[in-house]
N, C-alpha and C. Protein backbone atom coordinates (compact mmCIF):
# COMPACT_ATOMS: atom_id res chain seq x y z
N UNK A 1 -17.18 -6.57 -1.37
CA UNK A 1 -16.77 -7.18 -0.12
C UNK A 1 -15.25 -7.13 -0.01
N UNK A 2 -14.75 -6.77 1.16
CA UNK A 2 -13.31 -6.71 1.42
C UNK A 2 -12.93 -7.92 2.25
N UNK A 3 -11.94 -8.68 1.75
CA UNK A 3 -11.49 -9.87 2.46
C UNK A 3 -9.97 -9.94 2.49
N UNK A 4 -9.48 -10.58 3.54
CA UNK A 4 -8.04 -10.81 3.69
C UNK A 4 -7.65 -12.03 2.86
N UNK A 5 -6.48 -11.97 2.22
CA UNK A 5 -5.98 -13.13 1.48
C UNK A 5 -4.55 -13.44 1.90
N UNK A 6 -4.19 -14.69 1.74
CA UNK A 6 -2.82 -15.16 1.99
C UNK A 6 -2.06 -15.06 0.67
N UNK A 7 -1.17 -14.11 0.56
CA UNK A 7 -0.43 -13.90 -0.69
C UNK A 7 0.59 -15.01 -0.93
N UNK A 8 0.94 -15.76 0.11
CA UNK A 8 1.89 -16.85 -0.06
C UNK A 8 1.30 -17.97 -0.92
N UNK A 9 -0.01 -18.05 -0.98
CA UNK A 9 -0.68 -19.03 -1.82
C UNK A 9 -0.46 -18.66 -3.29
N UNK A 10 0.10 -19.58 -4.06
CA UNK A 10 0.47 -19.28 -5.44
C UNK A 10 -0.72 -18.79 -6.27
N UNK A 11 -1.86 -19.40 -6.11
CA UNK A 11 -3.04 -18.99 -6.88
C UNK A 11 -3.41 -17.54 -6.57
N UNK A 12 -3.35 -17.17 -5.30
CA UNK A 12 -3.64 -15.79 -4.91
C UNK A 12 -2.60 -14.83 -5.49
N UNK A 13 -1.33 -15.22 -5.45
CA UNK A 13 -0.27 -14.36 -5.99
C UNK A 13 -0.43 -14.17 -7.49
N UNK A 14 -0.79 -15.23 -8.20
CA UNK A 14 -1.01 -15.12 -9.65
C UNK A 14 -2.20 -14.20 -9.94
N UNK A 15 -3.26 -14.36 -9.16
CA UNK A 15 -4.44 -13.52 -9.33
C UNK A 15 -4.12 -12.06 -9.01
N UNK A 16 -3.29 -11.86 -7.98
CA UNK A 16 -2.90 -10.50 -7.60
C UNK A 16 -2.11 -9.83 -8.72
N UNK A 17 -1.21 -10.56 -9.36
CA UNK A 17 -0.47 -9.97 -10.48
C UNK A 17 -1.41 -9.55 -11.60
N UNK A 18 -2.49 -10.32 -11.80
CA UNK A 18 -3.48 -9.96 -12.81
C UNK A 18 -4.20 -8.67 -12.51
N UNK A 19 -4.25 -8.29 -11.26
CA UNK A 19 -4.81 -7.00 -10.84
C UNK A 19 -3.73 -5.93 -10.80
N UNK A 20 -2.58 -6.30 -10.29
CA UNK A 20 -1.49 -5.35 -10.06
C UNK A 20 -0.93 -4.76 -11.35
N UNK A 21 -0.71 -5.57 -12.35
CA UNK A 21 -0.08 -5.09 -13.59
C UNK A 21 -0.93 -4.01 -14.27
N UNK A 22 -2.21 -4.26 -14.57
CA UNK A 22 -2.99 -3.19 -15.22
C UNK A 22 -3.14 -1.94 -14.36
N UNK A 23 -3.25 -2.12 -13.05
CA UNK A 23 -3.38 -0.98 -12.15
C UNK A 23 -2.14 -0.10 -12.18
N UNK A 24 -0.98 -0.72 -12.03
CA UNK A 24 0.26 0.05 -11.98
C UNK A 24 0.69 0.57 -13.36
N UNK A 25 0.17 -0.02 -14.43
CA UNK A 25 0.43 0.54 -15.76
C UNK A 25 -0.19 1.93 -15.87
N UNK A 26 -1.35 2.10 -15.26
CA UNK A 26 -2.00 3.42 -15.27
C UNK A 26 -1.15 4.42 -14.50
N UNK A 27 -0.64 4.04 -13.33
CA UNK A 27 0.21 4.96 -12.58
C UNK A 27 1.48 5.26 -13.36
N UNK A 28 2.05 4.24 -14.00
CA UNK A 28 3.28 4.45 -14.78
C UNK A 28 3.05 5.50 -15.86
N UNK A 29 1.89 5.45 -16.49
CA UNK A 29 1.56 6.43 -17.53
C UNK A 29 1.38 7.82 -16.91
N UNK A 30 0.72 7.89 -15.76
CA UNK A 30 0.49 9.18 -15.08
C UNK A 30 1.80 9.87 -14.71
N UNK A 31 2.75 9.09 -14.22
CA UNK A 31 3.99 9.69 -13.73
C UNK A 31 5.11 9.65 -14.76
N UNK A 32 4.86 9.02 -15.91
CA UNK A 32 5.87 8.98 -16.97
C UNK A 32 7.08 8.13 -16.64
N UNK A 33 6.83 6.99 -15.96
CA UNK A 33 7.94 6.14 -15.52
C UNK A 33 7.45 4.70 -15.42
N UNK A 34 8.04 3.82 -16.22
CA UNK A 34 7.60 2.42 -16.20
C UNK A 34 8.49 1.53 -15.33
N UNK A 35 9.32 2.14 -14.51
CA UNK A 35 10.19 1.38 -13.62
C UNK A 35 9.59 1.12 -12.25
N UNK A 36 8.28 1.28 -12.12
CA UNK A 36 7.61 1.02 -10.85
C UNK A 36 7.80 -0.47 -10.51
N UNK A 37 8.36 -0.78 -9.35
CA UNK A 37 8.67 -2.17 -9.02
C UNK A 37 7.51 -3.17 -9.18
N UNK A 38 6.27 -2.85 -8.79
CA UNK A 38 5.19 -3.84 -8.96
C UNK A 38 4.94 -4.25 -10.41
N UNK A 39 5.37 -3.45 -11.36
CA UNK A 39 5.19 -3.81 -12.77
C UNK A 39 6.13 -4.94 -13.19
N UNK A 40 7.17 -5.15 -12.44
CA UNK A 40 8.21 -6.10 -12.84
C UNK A 40 8.36 -7.26 -11.86
N UNK A 41 7.42 -7.38 -10.96
CA UNK A 41 7.48 -8.39 -9.91
C UNK A 41 7.05 -9.76 -10.44
N UNK A 42 7.66 -10.80 -9.92
CA UNK A 42 7.27 -12.17 -10.28
C UNK A 42 6.31 -12.72 -9.22
N UNK A 43 5.68 -13.82 -9.56
CA UNK A 43 4.79 -14.49 -8.60
C UNK A 43 5.56 -14.84 -7.34
N UNK A 44 6.77 -15.36 -7.51
CA UNK A 44 7.57 -15.77 -6.36
C UNK A 44 7.95 -14.58 -5.48
N UNK A 45 8.28 -13.46 -6.09
CA UNK A 45 8.60 -12.25 -5.31
C UNK A 45 7.38 -11.78 -4.53
N UNK A 46 6.24 -11.81 -5.18
CA UNK A 46 5.01 -11.40 -4.52
C UNK A 46 4.69 -12.33 -3.34
N UNK A 47 4.86 -13.63 -3.54
CA UNK A 47 4.61 -14.59 -2.47
C UNK A 47 5.52 -14.35 -1.26
N UNK A 48 6.72 -13.89 -1.50
CA UNK A 48 7.68 -13.70 -0.42
C UNK A 48 7.78 -12.28 0.11
N UNK A 49 6.88 -11.40 -0.28
CA UNK A 49 7.00 -9.99 0.07
C UNK A 49 6.76 -9.69 1.55
N UNK A 50 6.07 -10.56 2.26
CA UNK A 50 5.83 -10.34 3.69
C UNK A 50 4.74 -9.33 4.01
N UNK A 51 4.01 -8.88 3.00
CA UNK A 51 2.96 -7.89 3.21
C UNK A 51 1.62 -8.58 3.50
N UNK A 52 0.71 -7.83 4.11
CA UNK A 52 -0.64 -8.31 4.39
C UNK A 52 -1.57 -7.70 3.34
N UNK A 53 -2.36 -8.53 2.70
CA UNK A 53 -3.20 -8.11 1.58
C UNK A 53 -4.68 -8.23 1.89
N UNK A 54 -5.42 -7.20 1.49
CA UNK A 54 -6.87 -7.20 1.53
C UNK A 54 -7.35 -6.92 0.11
N UNK A 55 -8.39 -7.64 -0.33
CA UNK A 55 -8.92 -7.43 -1.67
C UNK A 55 -10.37 -6.98 -1.61
N UNK A 56 -10.74 -6.21 -2.60
CA UNK A 56 -12.12 -5.74 -2.77
C UNK A 56 -12.68 -6.53 -3.95
N UNK A 57 -13.70 -7.30 -3.67
CA UNK A 57 -14.25 -8.20 -4.68
C UNK A 57 -15.62 -7.73 -5.13
N UNK A 58 -15.84 -7.78 -6.44
CA UNK A 58 -17.13 -7.46 -7.03
C UNK A 58 -17.51 -8.61 -7.95
N UNK A 59 -18.63 -9.24 -7.68
CA UNK A 59 -19.12 -10.36 -8.50
C UNK A 59 -18.04 -11.40 -8.76
N UNK A 60 -17.29 -11.74 -7.73
CA UNK A 60 -16.27 -12.78 -7.84
C UNK A 60 -14.96 -12.34 -8.45
N UNK A 61 -14.87 -11.07 -8.83
CA UNK A 61 -13.63 -10.57 -9.45
C UNK A 61 -12.93 -9.61 -8.50
N UNK A 62 -11.60 -9.72 -8.42
CA UNK A 62 -10.83 -8.80 -7.61
C UNK A 62 -10.76 -7.46 -8.32
N UNK A 63 -11.43 -6.46 -7.76
CA UNK A 63 -11.48 -5.13 -8.37
C UNK A 63 -10.39 -4.22 -7.83
N UNK A 64 -9.92 -4.50 -6.62
CA UNK A 64 -8.89 -3.67 -6.01
C UNK A 64 -8.22 -4.41 -4.88
N UNK A 65 -7.09 -3.88 -4.44
CA UNK A 65 -6.36 -4.48 -3.32
C UNK A 65 -5.50 -3.43 -2.64
N UNK A 66 -5.22 -3.69 -1.38
CA UNK A 66 -4.32 -2.86 -0.60
C UNK A 66 -3.42 -3.82 0.19
N UNK A 67 -2.18 -3.43 0.37
CA UNK A 67 -1.25 -4.24 1.16
C UNK A 67 -0.48 -3.32 2.09
N UNK A 68 -0.07 -3.87 3.20
CA UNK A 68 0.69 -3.08 4.17
C UNK A 68 1.64 -3.97 4.94
N UNK A 69 2.58 -3.31 5.60
CA UNK A 69 3.51 -3.95 6.52
C UNK A 69 3.44 -3.18 7.83
N UNK A 70 3.81 -3.83 8.91
CA UNK A 70 3.82 -3.18 10.22
C UNK A 70 5.27 -3.04 10.66
N UNK A 71 5.66 -1.80 10.95
CA UNK A 71 6.99 -1.53 11.51
C UNK A 71 6.81 -1.42 13.02
N UNK A 72 7.48 -2.27 13.74
CA UNK A 72 7.36 -2.26 15.20
C UNK A 72 8.19 -1.13 15.80
N UNK A 73 7.75 -0.65 16.96
CA UNK A 73 8.50 0.39 17.68
C UNK A 73 9.75 -0.22 18.29
N UNK A 74 10.64 0.62 18.78
CA UNK A 74 11.87 0.15 19.42
C UNK A 74 11.57 -0.77 20.59
N UNK A 75 10.61 -0.40 21.42
CA UNK A 75 10.26 -1.22 22.57
C UNK A 75 9.72 -2.58 22.17
N UNK A 76 8.89 -2.61 21.14
CA UNK A 76 8.35 -3.88 20.67
C UNK A 76 9.45 -4.75 20.07
N UNK A 77 10.41 -4.11 19.35
CA UNK A 77 11.52 -4.87 18.77
C UNK A 77 12.41 -5.44 19.87
N UNK A 78 12.68 -4.64 20.91
CA UNK A 78 13.52 -5.12 22.02
C UNK A 78 12.85 -6.29 22.72
N UNK A 79 11.55 -6.19 22.95
CA UNK A 79 10.82 -7.27 23.63
C UNK A 79 10.84 -8.56 22.83
N UNK A 80 10.88 -8.43 21.50
CA UNK A 80 10.89 -9.63 20.65
C UNK A 80 12.31 -10.08 20.33
N UNK A 81 13.31 -9.34 20.82
CA UNK A 81 14.70 -9.72 20.58
C UNK A 81 15.24 -9.26 19.24
N UNK A 82 14.53 -8.38 18.57
CA UNK A 82 14.97 -7.87 17.27
C UNK A 82 15.55 -6.48 17.48
N UNK A 83 16.75 -6.25 17.01
CA UNK A 83 17.39 -4.94 17.17
C UNK A 83 16.97 -3.97 16.09
N UNK A 84 17.52 -2.79 16.14
CA UNK A 84 17.24 -1.81 15.10
C UNK A 84 17.02 -0.44 15.68
N UNK A 85 16.96 0.55 14.82
CA UNK A 85 16.78 1.92 15.28
C UNK A 85 15.44 2.12 15.97
N UNK A 86 15.39 3.07 16.86
CA UNK A 86 14.21 3.31 17.68
C UNK A 86 13.05 3.93 16.95
N UNK A 87 11.92 3.89 17.61
CA UNK A 87 10.71 4.51 17.09
C UNK A 87 10.13 5.41 18.16
N UNK A 88 8.84 5.71 18.06
CA UNK A 88 8.22 6.63 19.00
C UNK A 88 7.36 5.92 20.03
N UNK A 89 7.54 4.62 20.20
CA UNK A 89 6.77 3.90 21.20
C UNK A 89 5.57 3.17 20.66
N UNK A 90 5.22 3.34 19.41
CA UNK A 90 4.11 2.63 18.81
C UNK A 90 4.48 2.14 17.43
N UNK A 91 3.69 1.22 16.93
CA UNK A 91 3.93 0.68 15.60
C UNK A 91 3.56 1.69 14.52
N UNK A 92 4.11 1.47 13.35
CA UNK A 92 3.72 2.24 12.17
C UNK A 92 3.22 1.26 11.12
N UNK A 93 2.12 1.59 10.49
CA UNK A 93 1.59 0.80 9.38
C UNK A 93 2.05 1.49 8.10
N UNK A 94 2.75 0.74 7.27
CA UNK A 94 3.25 1.26 6.00
C UNK A 94 2.43 0.64 4.89
N UNK A 95 1.61 1.45 4.25
CA UNK A 95 0.81 0.97 3.13
C UNK A 95 1.75 0.86 1.94
N UNK A 96 1.94 -0.35 1.48
CA UNK A 96 2.94 -0.62 0.45
C UNK A 96 2.36 -0.72 -0.95
N UNK A 97 1.08 -1.01 -1.05
CA UNK A 97 0.42 -1.12 -2.36
C UNK A 97 -1.03 -0.69 -2.24
N UNK A 98 -1.47 0.02 -3.25
CA UNK A 98 -2.88 0.35 -3.41
C UNK A 98 -3.16 0.21 -4.89
N UNK A 99 -4.12 -0.62 -5.23
CA UNK A 99 -4.39 -0.83 -6.65
C UNK A 99 -5.87 -1.05 -6.89
N UNK A 100 -6.32 -0.50 -8.00
CA UNK A 100 -7.69 -0.73 -8.46
C UNK A 100 -7.58 -1.03 -9.95
N UNK A 101 -8.25 -2.10 -10.37
CA UNK A 101 -8.24 -2.44 -11.79
C UNK A 101 -8.90 -1.29 -12.56
N UNK A 102 -8.34 -0.90 -13.71
CA UNK A 102 -8.91 0.21 -14.47
C UNK A 102 -10.40 0.06 -14.79
N UNK A 103 -10.90 -1.17 -14.91
CA UNK A 103 -12.33 -1.38 -15.17
C UNK A 103 -13.20 -0.90 -14.02
N UNK A 104 -12.60 -0.67 -12.85
CA UNK A 104 -13.36 -0.32 -11.65
C UNK A 104 -12.99 1.05 -11.07
N UNK A 105 -12.32 1.87 -11.87
CA UNK A 105 -11.96 3.21 -11.39
C UNK A 105 -13.21 4.02 -11.07
N UNK A 106 -13.04 4.99 -10.17
CA UNK A 106 -14.06 5.99 -9.82
C UNK A 106 -15.31 5.38 -9.18
N UNK A 107 -15.10 4.31 -8.41
CA UNK A 107 -16.22 3.67 -7.71
C UNK A 107 -16.02 3.68 -6.19
N UNK A 108 -15.00 4.38 -5.72
CA UNK A 108 -14.76 4.45 -4.28
C UNK A 108 -14.05 3.24 -3.69
N UNK A 109 -13.49 2.40 -4.55
CA UNK A 109 -12.84 1.17 -4.08
C UNK A 109 -11.57 1.47 -3.30
N UNK A 110 -10.73 2.34 -3.82
CA UNK A 110 -9.48 2.68 -3.13
C UNK A 110 -9.79 3.30 -1.76
N UNK A 111 -10.76 4.18 -1.71
CA UNK A 111 -11.14 4.81 -0.43
C UNK A 111 -11.64 3.75 0.56
N UNK A 112 -12.47 2.84 0.09
CA UNK A 112 -12.99 1.78 0.98
C UNK A 112 -11.86 0.90 1.50
N UNK A 113 -10.92 0.54 0.63
CA UNK A 113 -9.78 -0.28 1.06
C UNK A 113 -8.92 0.47 2.07
N UNK A 114 -8.65 1.74 1.79
CA UNK A 114 -7.83 2.54 2.70
C UNK A 114 -8.49 2.65 4.07
N UNK A 115 -9.76 2.98 4.09
CA UNK A 115 -10.48 3.11 5.36
C UNK A 115 -10.50 1.78 6.12
N UNK A 116 -10.64 0.70 5.38
CA UNK A 116 -10.64 -0.62 6.03
C UNK A 116 -9.32 -0.88 6.74
N UNK A 117 -8.22 -0.65 6.04
CA UNK A 117 -6.91 -0.88 6.63
C UNK A 117 -6.67 0.06 7.81
N UNK A 118 -7.10 1.30 7.70
CA UNK A 118 -6.94 2.24 8.81
C UNK A 118 -7.69 1.75 10.06
N UNK A 119 -8.74 1.00 9.86
CA UNK A 119 -9.53 0.49 10.99
C UNK A 119 -8.99 -0.81 11.56
N UNK A 120 -8.45 -1.69 10.71
CA UNK A 120 -8.14 -3.04 11.18
C UNK A 120 -6.66 -3.40 11.21
N UNK A 121 -5.80 -2.58 10.65
CA UNK A 121 -4.41 -2.99 10.42
C UNK A 121 -3.65 -3.37 11.67
N UNK A 122 -3.55 -2.51 12.64
CA UNK A 122 -2.68 -2.76 13.80
C UNK A 122 -3.17 -1.91 14.96
N UNK A 123 -3.68 -2.54 16.01
CA UNK A 123 -4.21 -1.78 17.14
C UNK A 123 -3.21 -0.81 17.77
N UNK A 124 -1.92 -1.16 17.77
CA UNK A 124 -0.93 -0.30 18.43
C UNK A 124 -0.34 0.76 17.50
N UNK A 125 -0.85 0.85 16.29
CA UNK A 125 -0.28 1.80 15.32
C UNK A 125 -0.44 3.24 15.79
N UNK A 126 0.66 3.95 15.79
CA UNK A 126 0.66 5.37 16.12
C UNK A 126 0.77 6.22 14.86
N UNK A 127 1.14 5.57 13.76
CA UNK A 127 1.42 6.30 12.53
C UNK A 127 1.09 5.42 11.33
N UNK A 128 0.57 6.04 10.29
CA UNK A 128 0.31 5.37 9.02
C UNK A 128 1.11 6.10 7.95
N UNK A 129 1.80 5.34 7.11
CA UNK A 129 2.64 5.93 6.07
C UNK A 129 2.25 5.36 4.72
N UNK A 130 2.44 6.18 3.69
CA UNK A 130 2.20 5.74 2.32
C UNK A 130 3.05 6.60 1.40
N UNK A 131 3.34 6.09 0.23
CA UNK A 131 4.05 6.89 -0.78
C UNK A 131 3.43 6.60 -2.14
N UNK A 132 3.56 7.56 -3.03
CA UNK A 132 3.04 7.41 -4.38
C UNK A 132 3.79 8.36 -5.30
N UNK A 133 3.67 8.14 -6.58
CA UNK A 133 4.29 9.04 -7.53
C UNK A 133 3.76 10.45 -7.35
N UNK A 134 4.65 11.42 -7.37
CA UNK A 134 4.26 12.82 -7.13
C UNK A 134 3.31 13.37 -8.19
N UNK A 135 3.27 12.73 -9.35
CA UNK A 135 2.35 13.16 -10.40
C UNK A 135 1.06 12.35 -10.40
N UNK A 136 0.90 11.45 -9.45
CA UNK A 136 -0.32 10.65 -9.35
C UNK A 136 -1.34 11.42 -8.52
N UNK A 137 -1.93 12.41 -9.14
CA UNK A 137 -2.84 13.31 -8.44
C UNK A 137 -4.06 12.60 -7.85
N UNK A 138 -4.67 11.62 -8.54
CA UNK A 138 -5.80 10.93 -7.90
C UNK A 138 -5.42 10.27 -6.57
N UNK A 139 -4.26 9.63 -6.51
CA UNK A 139 -3.82 8.99 -5.27
C UNK A 139 -3.53 10.04 -4.20
N UNK A 140 -2.84 11.10 -4.58
CA UNK A 140 -2.53 12.16 -3.61
C UNK A 140 -3.81 12.78 -3.04
N UNK A 141 -4.80 13.02 -3.90
CA UNK A 141 -6.07 13.58 -3.43
C UNK A 141 -6.75 12.64 -2.45
N UNK A 142 -6.73 11.35 -2.76
CA UNK A 142 -7.34 10.36 -1.86
C UNK A 142 -6.67 10.40 -0.49
N UNK A 143 -5.36 10.30 -0.46
CA UNK A 143 -4.65 10.26 0.82
C UNK A 143 -4.85 11.55 1.61
N UNK A 144 -4.78 12.68 0.94
CA UNK A 144 -5.00 13.96 1.64
C UNK A 144 -6.42 14.05 2.21
N UNK A 145 -7.39 13.59 1.44
CA UNK A 145 -8.78 13.66 1.90
C UNK A 145 -9.04 12.74 3.10
N UNK A 146 -8.16 11.77 3.31
CA UNK A 146 -8.28 10.86 4.45
C UNK A 146 -7.35 11.25 5.59
N UNK A 147 -6.81 12.48 5.54
CA UNK A 147 -6.04 13.00 6.66
C UNK A 147 -4.54 12.82 6.59
N UNK A 148 -4.02 12.30 5.49
CA UNK A 148 -2.57 12.17 5.34
C UNK A 148 -1.99 13.53 4.94
N UNK A 149 -0.77 13.79 5.37
CA UNK A 149 -0.08 15.02 4.97
C UNK A 149 1.30 14.65 4.42
N UNK A 150 1.75 15.46 3.49
CA UNK A 150 3.05 15.22 2.85
C UNK A 150 4.18 15.46 3.84
N UNK A 151 5.14 14.54 3.85
CA UNK A 151 6.31 14.71 4.72
C UNK A 151 7.58 14.99 3.93
N UNK A 152 7.66 14.45 2.72
CA UNK A 152 8.85 14.71 1.90
C UNK A 152 8.63 14.18 0.50
N UNK A 153 9.55 14.58 -0.38
CA UNK A 153 9.59 14.08 -1.75
C UNK A 153 10.99 13.58 -2.03
N UNK A 154 11.07 12.58 -2.88
CA UNK A 154 12.36 12.00 -3.22
C UNK A 154 12.40 11.71 -4.71
N UNK A 155 13.47 12.18 -5.37
CA UNK A 155 13.64 11.87 -6.78
C UNK A 155 14.24 10.47 -6.89
N UNK A 156 13.52 9.55 -7.55
CA UNK A 156 13.96 8.16 -7.66
C UNK A 156 14.56 7.84 -9.03
N UNK A 157 14.34 8.72 -9.97
CA UNK A 157 14.91 8.62 -11.32
C UNK A 157 14.85 10.04 -11.88
N UNK A 158 15.64 10.33 -12.90
CA UNK A 158 15.60 11.68 -13.46
C UNK A 158 14.16 12.11 -13.81
N UNK A 159 13.71 13.16 -13.15
CA UNK A 159 12.37 13.70 -13.41
C UNK A 159 11.23 12.93 -12.78
N UNK A 160 11.53 11.95 -11.95
CA UNK A 160 10.48 11.14 -11.31
C UNK A 160 10.61 11.25 -9.80
N UNK A 161 9.56 11.79 -9.17
CA UNK A 161 9.55 11.96 -7.72
C UNK A 161 8.50 11.09 -7.06
N UNK A 162 8.81 10.65 -5.86
CA UNK A 162 7.86 9.96 -5.00
C UNK A 162 7.51 10.91 -3.86
N UNK A 163 6.23 10.99 -3.53
CA UNK A 163 5.76 11.78 -2.40
C UNK A 163 5.44 10.84 -1.25
N UNK A 164 5.97 11.17 -0.08
CA UNK A 164 5.73 10.39 1.14
C UNK A 164 4.71 11.14 1.99
N UNK A 165 3.73 10.41 2.52
CA UNK A 165 2.68 11.01 3.34
C UNK A 165 2.52 10.21 4.63
N UNK A 166 2.02 10.89 5.67
CA UNK A 166 1.80 10.26 6.97
C UNK A 166 0.48 10.72 7.55
N UNK A 167 -0.01 9.91 8.46
CA UNK A 167 -1.22 10.23 9.22
C UNK A 167 -1.04 9.65 10.61
N UNK A 168 -1.47 10.39 11.62
CA UNK A 168 -1.38 9.88 12.99
C UNK A 168 -2.38 8.79 13.26
N UNK A 169 -2.35 8.27 14.46
CA UNK A 169 -3.21 7.18 14.89
C UNK A 169 -4.68 7.48 14.61
N UNK A 170 -5.41 6.46 14.26
CA UNK A 170 -6.84 6.60 13.96
C UNK A 170 -7.71 6.31 15.17
N UNK A 171 -7.09 6.02 16.31
CA UNK A 171 -7.88 5.68 17.50
C UNK A 171 -8.19 6.91 18.31
């Protein structure tokens, strides 16, 4: 079952770290870099991140989670009185975290979470964005199979690249 959670709630943030740490340790090993920010995050940082979280629960245990933020278009920012650089007239959903506990790998959890967010995240979204370690082939395969395409790569540390992917509106 996929449910929305309030990450500002301390108990939820603590539980999320219990899922996040083992999940991102696997990615760190895949890409050969343990400086992934979610590995070093505190409960307080997680509570204040401003992201929207959905969890995939199996028998009362959080098996996976996805989080995202919504970037408003220039017109939406102007209407709300918030300045900033322009957009293309619609919101963008930025998937900021995707995690599955290693005990639940290869069960379709990440795909189910991704599809859920693509359906419910933001009605005005014109674009969906995500990034992952360039050597994280399972994540790259998932995103590509769901219609995302690579837009660029960025070296974030010596020998460590992040791949950025995008997908147009799902409506």
